[in-house]
N, C-alpha and C. Protein backbone atom coordinates (compact mmCIF):
# COMPACT_ATOMS: atom_id res chain seq x y z
N UNK A 1 53.16 38.45 -113.89
CA UNK A 1 51.92 39.09 -114.33
C UNK A 1 50.81 37.99 -114.47
N UNK A 2 51.19 36.82 -114.91
CA UNK A 2 50.23 35.76 -115.12
C UNK A 2 49.49 35.38 -113.83
N UNK A 3 50.34 35.25 -112.81
CA UNK A 3 49.69 34.97 -111.40
C UNK A 3 48.57 35.99 -111.05
N UNK A 4 48.85 37.23 -111.24
CA UNK A 4 47.88 38.22 -110.90
C UNK A 4 46.62 38.03 -111.84
N UNK A 5 46.73 37.79 -113.05
CA UNK A 5 45.65 37.58 -114.04
C UNK A 5 44.78 36.42 -113.65
N UNK A 6 45.59 35.31 -113.14
CA UNK A 6 44.90 34.08 -112.76
C UNK A 6 44.08 34.26 -111.45
N UNK A 7 44.70 35.05 -110.52
CA UNK A 7 43.90 35.25 -109.29
C UNK A 7 42.75 36.30 -109.59
N UNK A 8 42.89 37.11 -110.42
CA UNK A 8 41.88 38.02 -110.87
C UNK A 8 40.68 37.30 -111.42
N UNK A 9 40.95 36.24 -112.25
CA UNK A 9 39.98 35.48 -112.82
C UNK A 9 39.21 34.69 -111.83
N UNK A 10 39.90 34.16 -110.86
CA UNK A 10 39.29 33.44 -109.75
C UNK A 10 38.38 34.43 -108.90
N UNK A 11 38.92 35.60 -108.59
CA UNK A 11 38.17 36.60 -107.82
C UNK A 11 36.83 36.86 -108.53
N UNK A 12 36.97 37.05 -109.90
CA UNK A 12 35.76 37.41 -110.59
C UNK A 12 34.79 36.25 -110.67
N UNK A 13 35.21 35.04 -110.77
CA UNK A 13 34.39 33.84 -110.66
C UNK A 13 33.70 33.72 -109.26
N UNK A 14 34.50 33.98 -108.32
CA UNK A 14 33.89 33.88 -106.86
C UNK A 14 32.88 34.98 -106.76
N UNK A 15 33.13 36.17 -107.22
CA UNK A 15 32.11 37.28 -107.20
C UNK A 15 30.84 36.86 -107.84
N UNK A 16 30.95 36.15 -109.01
CA UNK A 16 29.71 35.69 -109.63
C UNK A 16 29.03 34.55 -108.79
N UNK A 17 29.90 33.67 -108.19
CA UNK A 17 29.19 32.72 -107.37
C UNK A 17 28.48 33.34 -106.22
N UNK A 18 29.05 34.39 -105.65
CA UNK A 18 28.34 35.13 -104.53
C UNK A 18 27.04 35.74 -105.03
N UNK A 19 26.97 36.29 -106.15
CA UNK A 19 25.73 36.83 -106.73
C UNK A 19 24.75 35.73 -107.03
N UNK A 20 25.23 34.59 -107.49
CA UNK A 20 24.29 33.46 -107.84
C UNK A 20 23.72 32.92 -106.47
N UNK A 21 24.60 32.89 -105.48
CA UNK A 21 24.16 32.34 -104.06
C UNK A 21 23.11 33.28 -103.55
N UNK A 22 23.34 34.66 -103.65
CA UNK A 22 22.35 35.57 -103.14
C UNK A 22 21.04 35.34 -103.79
N UNK A 23 21.08 35.18 -105.14
CA UNK A 23 19.78 34.91 -106.00
C UNK A 23 19.11 33.60 -105.43
N UNK A 24 19.89 32.61 -105.16
CA UNK A 24 19.32 31.33 -104.70
C UNK A 24 18.62 31.59 -103.33
N UNK A 25 19.33 32.21 -102.47
CA UNK A 25 18.71 32.57 -101.06
C UNK A 25 17.43 33.32 -101.23
N UNK A 26 17.43 34.28 -102.06
CA UNK A 26 16.26 35.24 -102.29
C UNK A 26 15.12 34.30 -102.88
N UNK A 27 15.47 33.45 -103.89
CA UNK A 27 14.40 32.62 -104.40
C UNK A 27 13.77 31.72 -103.47
N UNK A 28 14.64 31.14 -102.55
CA UNK A 28 14.08 30.24 -101.46
C UNK A 28 13.20 31.05 -100.56
N UNK A 29 13.73 32.27 -100.13
CA UNK A 29 12.92 33.12 -99.23
C UNK A 29 11.50 33.44 -99.75
N UNK A 30 11.42 33.37 -101.16
CA UNK A 30 10.17 33.86 -101.76
C UNK A 30 9.14 32.62 -101.94
N UNK A 31 9.66 31.51 -101.65
CA UNK A 31 8.79 30.22 -101.65
C UNK A 31 7.79 30.24 -100.54
N UNK A 32 6.59 30.26 -100.93
CA UNK A 32 5.57 30.36 -99.86
C UNK A 32 5.20 28.95 -99.19
N UNK A 33 5.34 27.92 -99.90
CA UNK A 33 5.10 26.63 -99.35
C UNK A 33 6.21 26.10 -98.49
N UNK A 34 6.09 25.85 -97.24
CA UNK A 34 7.21 25.50 -96.36
C UNK A 34 7.92 24.20 -96.81
N UNK A 35 7.12 23.20 -97.31
CA UNK A 35 7.72 21.95 -97.78
C UNK A 35 8.64 22.16 -99.07
N UNK A 36 8.08 22.99 -99.92
CA UNK A 36 8.88 23.24 -101.19
C UNK A 36 10.12 24.06 -100.81
N UNK A 37 9.99 25.00 -99.84
CA UNK A 37 11.22 25.83 -99.43
C UNK A 37 12.19 24.97 -98.78
N UNK A 38 11.71 24.07 -97.92
CA UNK A 38 12.63 23.21 -97.18
C UNK A 38 13.35 22.26 -98.18
N UNK A 39 12.64 21.78 -99.21
CA UNK A 39 13.27 20.90 -100.15
C UNK A 39 14.33 21.60 -101.10
N UNK A 40 14.01 22.83 -101.39
CA UNK A 40 14.83 23.69 -102.13
C UNK A 40 16.14 23.90 -101.34
N UNK A 41 15.96 24.24 -100.06
CA UNK A 41 17.07 24.68 -99.26
C UNK A 41 17.99 23.43 -99.01
N UNK A 42 17.28 22.25 -98.91
CA UNK A 42 18.10 21.01 -98.72
C UNK A 42 18.86 20.76 -99.91
N UNK A 43 18.31 20.92 -101.09
CA UNK A 43 18.94 20.69 -102.36
C UNK A 43 20.26 21.58 -102.47
N UNK A 44 19.95 22.81 -102.19
CA UNK A 44 21.17 23.81 -102.28
C UNK A 44 22.22 23.42 -101.26
N UNK A 45 21.72 23.08 -100.07
CA UNK A 45 22.73 22.60 -99.05
C UNK A 45 23.61 21.44 -99.55
N UNK A 46 22.97 20.46 -100.14
CA UNK A 46 23.73 19.38 -100.65
C UNK A 46 24.67 19.73 -101.81
N UNK A 47 24.18 20.58 -102.63
CA UNK A 47 25.17 20.99 -103.69
C UNK A 47 26.28 21.87 -103.18
N UNK A 48 26.02 22.68 -102.17
CA UNK A 48 27.16 23.48 -101.52
C UNK A 48 28.11 22.54 -100.85
N UNK A 49 27.65 21.51 -100.16
CA UNK A 49 28.52 20.62 -99.42
C UNK A 49 29.46 19.90 -100.46
N UNK A 50 28.89 19.54 -101.66
CA UNK A 50 29.60 18.85 -102.66
C UNK A 50 30.77 19.84 -103.16
N UNK A 51 30.32 21.08 -103.40
CA UNK A 51 31.27 22.05 -103.88
C UNK A 51 32.40 22.19 -102.83
N UNK A 52 32.02 22.36 -101.59
CA UNK A 52 33.06 22.50 -100.59
C UNK A 52 33.98 21.34 -100.50
N UNK A 53 33.39 20.10 -100.70
CA UNK A 53 34.36 18.90 -100.57
C UNK A 53 35.28 19.00 -101.90
N UNK A 54 34.88 19.41 -102.97
CA UNK A 54 35.68 19.45 -104.20
C UNK A 54 36.79 20.50 -103.99
N UNK A 55 36.51 21.67 -103.38
CA UNK A 55 37.43 22.73 -103.17
C UNK A 55 38.45 22.29 -102.11
N UNK A 56 38.03 21.51 -101.12
CA UNK A 56 38.88 20.96 -100.08
C UNK A 56 39.85 19.93 -100.74
N UNK A 57 39.45 19.20 -101.62
CA UNK A 57 40.32 18.24 -102.41
C UNK A 57 41.34 19.02 -103.22
N UNK A 58 40.89 20.14 -103.88
CA UNK A 58 41.84 20.95 -104.50
C UNK A 58 42.88 21.50 -103.69
N UNK A 59 42.46 22.04 -102.57
CA UNK A 59 43.46 22.59 -101.59
C UNK A 59 44.47 21.61 -101.08
N UNK A 60 43.99 20.38 -100.92
CA UNK A 60 44.92 19.28 -100.43
C UNK A 60 45.79 19.01 -101.48
N UNK A 61 45.47 18.93 -102.73
CA UNK A 61 46.33 18.60 -103.83
C UNK A 61 47.38 19.68 -103.90
N UNK A 62 46.96 20.88 -103.81
CA UNK A 62 47.87 22.08 -103.90
C UNK A 62 48.87 22.14 -102.75
N UNK A 63 48.43 21.79 -101.55
CA UNK A 63 49.35 21.68 -100.36
C UNK A 63 50.32 20.57 -100.65
N UNK A 64 49.91 19.43 -101.19
CA UNK A 64 50.78 18.40 -101.49
C UNK A 64 51.91 18.84 -102.44
N UNK A 65 51.44 19.50 -103.50
CA UNK A 65 52.39 20.10 -104.51
C UNK A 65 53.41 21.02 -103.83
N UNK A 66 53.00 21.93 -103.00
CA UNK A 66 53.87 22.87 -102.32
C UNK A 66 54.89 22.03 -101.46
N UNK A 67 54.27 21.19 -100.59
CA UNK A 67 55.09 20.38 -99.66
C UNK A 67 56.16 19.59 -100.29
N UNK A 68 55.78 18.98 -101.34
CA UNK A 68 56.71 18.08 -102.09
C UNK A 68 57.75 18.86 -102.92
N UNK A 69 57.27 19.79 -103.58
CA UNK A 69 58.18 20.62 -104.57
C UNK A 69 59.22 21.36 -103.76
N UNK A 70 58.75 21.95 -102.67
CA UNK A 70 59.62 22.79 -101.84
C UNK A 70 60.34 21.96 -100.66
N UNK A 71 59.99 20.66 -100.69
CA UNK A 71 60.60 19.83 -99.69
C UNK A 71 60.67 20.40 -98.23
N UNK A 72 59.50 20.75 -97.81
CA UNK A 72 59.32 21.44 -96.51
C UNK A 72 59.17 20.55 -95.29
N UNK A 73 59.56 20.88 -94.17
CA UNK A 73 59.19 20.16 -92.96
C UNK A 73 57.72 20.65 -92.66
N UNK A 74 57.08 19.84 -91.75
CA UNK A 74 55.63 20.34 -91.37
C UNK A 74 55.63 21.74 -90.74
N UNK A 75 56.72 22.08 -89.99
CA UNK A 75 56.75 23.40 -89.43
C UNK A 75 56.84 24.47 -90.36
N UNK A 76 57.72 24.24 -91.42
CA UNK A 76 57.88 25.17 -92.59
C UNK A 76 56.60 25.24 -93.51
N UNK A 77 56.01 24.04 -93.65
CA UNK A 77 54.83 24.04 -94.47
C UNK A 77 53.69 24.86 -93.80
N UNK A 78 53.63 24.64 -92.56
CA UNK A 78 52.60 25.40 -91.74
C UNK A 78 52.82 26.93 -91.91
N UNK A 79 54.06 27.41 -91.72
CA UNK A 79 54.43 28.79 -91.95
C UNK A 79 54.15 29.26 -93.38
N UNK A 80 54.46 28.43 -94.37
CA UNK A 80 54.24 28.71 -95.76
C UNK A 80 52.87 28.95 -96.19
N UNK A 81 51.88 28.12 -95.56
CA UNK A 81 50.47 28.25 -95.95
C UNK A 81 49.67 28.99 -94.85
N UNK A 82 50.25 29.32 -93.82
CA UNK A 82 49.57 30.13 -92.78
C UNK A 82 48.57 29.34 -91.93
N UNK A 83 49.09 28.20 -91.49
CA UNK A 83 48.19 27.30 -90.58
C UNK A 83 49.01 26.83 -89.46
N UNK A 84 48.43 26.29 -88.47
CA UNK A 84 49.19 25.76 -87.33
C UNK A 84 49.91 24.43 -87.85
N UNK A 85 50.93 24.15 -86.95
CA UNK A 85 51.65 22.87 -87.33
C UNK A 85 50.83 21.65 -87.26
N UNK A 86 49.78 21.67 -86.32
CA UNK A 86 48.89 20.57 -86.21
C UNK A 86 47.97 20.40 -87.46
N UNK A 87 47.54 21.60 -87.95
CA UNK A 87 46.79 21.67 -89.24
C UNK A 87 47.59 21.21 -90.40
N UNK A 88 48.79 21.63 -90.44
CA UNK A 88 49.71 21.15 -91.46
C UNK A 88 49.94 19.66 -91.50
N UNK A 89 50.00 19.09 -90.29
CA UNK A 89 50.12 17.57 -90.14
C UNK A 89 48.80 16.84 -90.67
N UNK A 90 47.74 17.45 -90.33
CA UNK A 90 46.43 16.95 -90.87
C UNK A 90 46.46 17.05 -92.45
N UNK A 91 46.80 18.16 -92.95
CA UNK A 91 46.80 18.38 -94.36
C UNK A 91 47.78 17.35 -95.04
N UNK A 92 48.98 17.16 -94.38
CA UNK A 92 49.94 16.27 -94.95
C UNK A 92 49.40 14.78 -94.95
N UNK A 93 48.67 14.50 -93.85
CA UNK A 93 48.00 13.14 -93.93
C UNK A 93 46.91 13.04 -94.95
N UNK A 94 46.21 14.10 -95.21
CA UNK A 94 45.15 14.06 -96.32
C UNK A 94 45.82 13.92 -97.59
N UNK A 95 47.05 14.67 -97.70
CA UNK A 95 47.75 14.55 -99.05
C UNK A 95 48.18 13.01 -99.30
N UNK A 96 48.62 12.39 -98.23
CA UNK A 96 49.05 10.98 -98.39
C UNK A 96 47.89 10.11 -98.70
N UNK A 97 46.75 10.45 -98.06
CA UNK A 97 45.56 9.58 -98.40
C UNK A 97 44.99 9.80 -99.76
N UNK A 98 45.09 11.06 -100.27
CA UNK A 98 44.71 11.38 -101.58
C UNK A 98 45.62 10.72 -102.63
N UNK A 99 46.92 10.72 -102.38
CA UNK A 99 47.92 10.18 -103.30
C UNK A 99 47.65 8.62 -103.33
N UNK A 100 47.40 8.07 -102.10
CA UNK A 100 47.16 6.59 -102.14
C UNK A 100 45.93 6.27 -102.86
N UNK A 101 44.94 7.07 -102.72
CA UNK A 101 43.67 6.87 -103.49
C UNK A 101 43.96 6.87 -104.98
N UNK A 102 44.77 7.86 -105.44
CA UNK A 102 44.99 8.01 -106.74
C UNK A 102 45.80 6.81 -107.38
N UNK A 103 46.51 6.16 -106.56
CA UNK A 103 47.22 5.03 -106.99
C UNK A 103 46.40 3.70 -107.20
N UNK A 104 45.30 3.65 -106.67
CA UNK A 104 44.38 2.56 -106.58
C UNK A 104 43.68 2.44 -107.90
């Protein structure tokens, strides 16, 4: 039951993020000065890129946890997380880099 509650919390937060994103898009669309609108859009783009990078790091960490805890081959990891074997290999490499970075 806890897993369902946790995923519901995430879905609720994502829905709030979507609402906030739409408000930002609308606010930028309403800016009449092109330079100001461009600056606002650039700022939002930068923040969204940072968020995406942070989520990618989280996903990589989680893939590493699954891969190591379940002691999976790359093929089985790929099937477990629903990606190609090539993508699983890329993620495994990212996991190793992330772990190496954490050791420094």
